[in-house]
Amino acid sequence: MTRTHWASIAAVVLALLFAGGAVTVASAQREEAPRTPVSGSADAGFARDMAVHHQQAVEMSFIVRDRTTDEDVRRLAYDIANTQANQRGMMLGWLDLWGLPKTESGTEPMAWMGMGGHGDTGPLDGALMPGMATKTELRKLREASGKEAEILYLQLMTDHHKGGVHMAQGCVEKCSVDVERNLAQGMVEAQESEMGLMAELLRQRGAKPRA
């Protein structure tokens, strides 16, 4: 064989050896991936708490759907209900996959963030976490109709999104599971965008977000 042929063969052998090494490194990296989250982890805490938070957003969206005929508000409510119901299913599914309970007795909401519900005051009229509507506010939403219902829904959902964004940012900082952290970042971006839309819808109705 010529020197050129030997050089070509050597190049192929080196490429195969490099590929084999790359596979070995990739396998080692997979083996060193984080283990299944434990019950007290930020990953589990976020999944539990955000599932509860999302459930109320879905509930409020279904309420306003039946209290107004305005297409803009009904469309927003549908989008929020659909998106958050799907995300809630994902988070509960992760808890099942990790073999962890969906609720944990004796643990305050948002304890994984160094918080506990509403802090020292405890839950306020059924609102388990900051941003969540109280029982009184939900009752008012059910009793309202038309423009009044639209404004109250947009104000309550703006508050709700603020609380959700704060919690999702906590997961971006503390969660260790990549897919969950990516979902949390997506929540931050989507809900901040929706807050801008809700502010505009409130302006069109002569109102604004609550302080």
Protein backbone atom coordinates (compact mmCIF):
# COMPACT_ATOMS: atom_id res chain seq x y z
CA MET A 1 0.00 0.00 0.00
CA THR A 2 1.07 3.58 -0.57
CA ARG A 3 1.72 6.03 2.23
CA THR A 4 -1.56 7.76 1.33
CA HIS A 5 -3.54 4.52 1.80
CA TRP A 6 -1.95 3.92 5.22
CA ALA A 7 -2.78 7.48 6.23
CA SER A 8 -6.42 6.99 5.21
CA ILE A 9 -6.70 3.75 7.18
CA ALA A 10 -5.14 5.39 10.23
CA ALA A 11 -7.61 8.25 10.02
CA VAL A 12 -10.57 5.83 9.94
CA VAL A 13 -9.21 3.88 12.94
CA LEU A 14 -8.73 7.08 14.92
CA ALA A 15 -12.25 8.23 14.07
CA LEU A 16 -13.71 4.93 15.28
CA LEU A 17 -11.70 5.11 18.49
CA PHE A 18 -12.87 8.69 19.07
CA ALA A 19 -16.50 7.70 18.45
CA GLY A 20 -16.17 4.84 20.91
CA GLY A 21 -14.70 7.19 23.48
CA ALA A 22 -17.52 9.64 22.93
CA VAL A 23 -20.09 6.92 23.54
CA THR A 24 -18.28 5.93 26.74
CA VAL A 25 -18.24 9.53 27.95
CA ALA A 26 -21.94 9.97 27.10
CA SER A 27 -22.79 6.79 28.99
CA ALA A 28 -20.82 7.99 32.00
CA GLN A 29 -22.64 11.29 31.92
CA ARG A 30 -26.03 9.55 31.90
CA GLU A 31 -24.99 7.44 34.86
CA GLU A 32 -24.03 10.58 36.76
CA ALA A 33 -27.37 12.29 36.06
CA PRO A 34 -29.30 13.44 39.18
CA ARG A 35 -31.19 10.70 40.96
CA THR A 36 -34.98 10.74 41.33
CA PRO A 37 -36.04 13.83 43.33
CA VAL A 38 -36.91 13.22 46.97
CA SER A 39 -40.17 14.35 48.55
CA GLY A 40 -38.63 17.41 50.20
CA SER A 41 -36.85 18.64 47.08
CA ALA A 42 -37.60 21.84 45.18
CA ASP A 43 -38.62 19.69 42.19
CA ALA A 44 -41.32 17.89 44.16
CA GLY A 45 -42.42 21.00 46.04
CA PHE A 46 -42.82 23.02 42.87
CA ALA A 47 -44.76 20.24 41.13
CA ARG A 48 -47.17 19.94 44.08
CA ASP A 49 -47.67 23.64 44.69
CA MET A 50 -47.95 24.71 41.06
CA ALA A 51 -50.46 21.94 40.41
CA VAL A 52 -52.68 23.45 43.15
CA HIS A 53 -52.05 26.98 41.85
CA HIS A 54 -52.92 25.96 38.29
CA GLN A 55 -56.11 24.22 39.39
CA GLN A 56 -57.53 27.50 40.69
CA ALA A 57 -56.64 29.29 37.44
CA VAL A 58 -58.56 26.63 35.53
CA GLU A 59 -61.51 27.00 37.93
CA MET A 60 -61.65 30.80 37.55
CA SER A 61 -61.42 30.54 33.77
CA PHE A 62 -64.38 28.16 33.62
CA ILE A 63 -66.37 30.49 35.89
CA VAL A 64 -65.85 33.58 33.72
CA ARG A 65 -66.59 31.61 30.57
CA ASP A 66 -70.16 31.23 31.84
CA ARG A 67 -70.44 34.80 33.18
CA THR A 68 -69.70 36.78 29.99
CA THR A 69 -70.25 36.62 26.24
CA ASP A 70 -67.20 38.77 25.42
CA GLU A 71 -65.11 36.80 22.93
CA ASP A 72 -61.75 38.34 23.89
CA VAL A 73 -62.10 37.40 27.56
CA ARG A 74 -63.60 34.00 26.78
CA ARG A 75 -60.72 33.25 24.37
CA LEU A 76 -58.14 34.24 26.98
CA ALA A 77 -59.91 32.15 29.62
CA TYR A 78 -59.95 29.14 27.28
CA ASP A 79 -56.23 29.49 26.55
CA ILE A 80 -55.36 29.77 30.24
CA ALA A 81 -57.57 26.83 31.23
CA ASN A 82 -56.25 24.61 28.43
CA THR A 83 -52.59 25.46 29.00
CA GLN A 84 -52.63 25.20 32.77
CA ALA A 85 -54.70 22.00 32.83
CA ASN A 86 -52.12 20.37 30.53
CA GLN A 87 -49.20 21.63 32.61
CA ARG A 88 -50.90 20.46 35.79
CA GLY A 89 -51.22 16.99 34.30
CA MET A 90 -47.51 16.97 33.46
CA MET A 91 -46.49 17.93 36.99
CA LEU A 92 -48.75 15.35 38.63
CA GLY A 93 -47.40 12.81 36.16
CA TRP A 94 -43.84 13.58 37.23
CA LEU A 95 -44.77 12.99 40.87
CA ASP A 96 -46.20 9.61 39.88
CA LEU A 97 -43.06 8.83 37.87
CA TRP A 98 -40.87 9.74 40.85
CA GLY A 99 -43.01 7.64 43.18
CA LEU A 100 -43.85 10.67 45.34
CA PRO A 101 -47.17 11.68 46.93
CA LYS A 102 -49.19 14.48 45.34
CA THR A 103 -49.74 16.01 48.78
CA GLU A 104 -47.44 16.04 51.79
CA SER A 105 -49.02 16.50 55.19
CA GLY A 106 -47.24 18.76 57.63
CA THR A 107 -45.47 20.74 54.88
CA GLU A 108 -46.52 24.33 54.25
CA PRO A 109 -47.06 25.44 50.64
CA MET A 110 -43.92 27.00 49.14
CA ALA A 111 -41.75 25.74 52.01
CA TRP A 112 -39.29 24.59 49.32
CA MET A 113 -38.81 28.30 48.52
CA GLY A 114 -38.18 29.19 52.16
CA MET A 115 -41.75 30.44 52.47
CA GLY A 116 -44.93 29.11 53.99
CA GLY A 117 -48.24 30.05 52.46
CA HIS A 118 -48.81 33.70 53.36
CA GLY A 119 -45.94 33.78 55.82
CA ASP A 120 -46.73 34.27 59.48
CA THR A 121 -50.39 35.07 58.81
CA GLY A 122 -51.15 31.66 57.31
CA PRO A 123 -53.70 31.05 54.53
CA LEU A 124 -56.01 34.00 53.94
CA ASP A 125 -59.68 33.02 53.45
CA GLY A 126 -58.74 29.86 51.59
CA ALA A 127 -55.91 31.36 49.51
CA LEU A 128 -53.13 28.85 50.11
CA MET A 129 -50.39 30.78 48.27
CA PRO A 130 -49.65 34.39 47.30
CA GLY A 131 -51.65 35.43 44.25
CA MET A 132 -54.41 32.90 44.75
CA ALA A 133 -57.99 34.18 45.00
CA THR A 134 -59.80 33.93 48.31
CA LYS A 135 -63.10 32.11 48.81
CA THR A 136 -64.83 35.49 49.00
CA GLU A 137 -63.31 36.61 45.71
CA LEU A 138 -64.33 33.37 43.98
CA ARG A 139 -67.87 33.82 45.25
CA LYS A 140 -67.98 37.37 43.89
CA LEU A 141 -66.75 36.13 40.51
CA ARG A 142 -69.51 33.51 40.40
CA GLU A 143 -72.11 36.17 41.24
CA ALA A 144 -70.85 38.78 38.76
CA SER A 145 -71.76 38.97 35.09
CA GLY A 146 -70.85 40.88 31.95
CA LYS A 147 -68.30 43.68 32.27
CA GLU A 148 -68.14 43.33 36.07
CA ALA A 149 -67.18 39.67 35.76
CA GLU A 150 -64.63 40.44 33.04
CA ILE A 151 -62.87 43.08 35.14
CA LEU A 152 -62.84 40.97 38.29
CA TYR A 153 -61.53 37.93 36.39
CA LEU A 154 -58.76 39.94 34.72
CA GLN A 155 -57.72 41.48 38.05
CA LEU A 156 -57.79 38.16 39.91
CA MET A 157 -55.92 36.38 37.13
CA THR A 158 -53.28 39.11 36.99
CA ASP A 159 -52.65 38.63 40.72
CA HIS A 160 -52.67 34.87 40.17
CA HIS A 161 -50.08 35.13 37.39
CA LYS A 162 -47.84 37.33 39.55
CA GLY A 163 -47.82 34.64 42.22
CA GLY A 164 -47.27 31.94 39.61
CA VAL A 165 -44.35 33.79 38.00
CA HIS A 166 -42.70 34.23 41.41
CA MET A 167 -43.02 30.50 42.12
CA ALA A 168 -41.84 29.48 38.64
CA GLN A 169 -38.78 31.70 38.99
CA GLY A 170 -38.05 29.87 42.23
CA CYS A 171 -38.04 26.57 40.35
CA VAL A 172 -35.78 27.99 37.63
CA GLU A 173 -33.28 28.79 40.39
CA LYS A 174 -33.71 25.71 42.59
CA CYS A 175 -35.05 22.74 40.59
CA SER A 176 -32.55 20.13 39.38
CA VAL A 177 -34.61 18.30 36.72
CA ASP A 178 -33.95 20.01 33.38
CA VAL A 179 -37.36 19.37 31.83
CA GLU A 180 -39.12 20.79 34.89
CA ARG A 181 -36.85 23.82 35.03
CA ASN A 182 -37.49 24.44 31.32
CA LEU A 183 -41.24 24.23 31.88
CA ALA A 184 -40.96 26.73 34.74
CA GLN A 185 -39.06 29.17 32.51
CA GLY A 186 -41.76 28.78 29.86
CA MET A 187 -44.39 29.60 32.49
CA VAL A 188 -42.56 32.80 33.42
CA GLU A 189 -42.43 33.98 29.81
CA ALA A 190 -46.00 33.01 28.91
CA GLN A 191 -47.62 34.42 32.04
CA GLU A 192 -45.71 37.70 31.82
CA SER A 193 -46.99 38.04 28.25
CA GLU A 194 -50.55 37.27 29.35
CA MET A 195 -50.30 39.91 32.10
CA GLY A 196 -49.56 42.47 29.42
CA LEU A 197 -52.63 41.36 27.46
CA MET A 198 -54.80 41.46 30.58
CA ALA A 199 -53.62 44.99 31.39
CA GLU A 200 -54.75 46.07 27.93
CA LEU A 201 -58.12 44.34 28.29
CA LEU A 202 -58.61 46.08 31.63
CA ARG A 203 -57.70 49.44 30.09
CA GLN A 204 -60.32 48.91 27.40
CA ARG A 205 -62.87 48.46 30.19
CA GLY A 206 -61.81 51.57 32.12
CA ALA A 207 -60.03 49.55 34.80
CA LYS A 208 -56.52 48.51 35.76
CA PRO A 209 -54.74 45.76 37.72
CA ARG A 210 -55.07 45.92 41.49
CA ALA A 211 -52.18 47.41 43.44
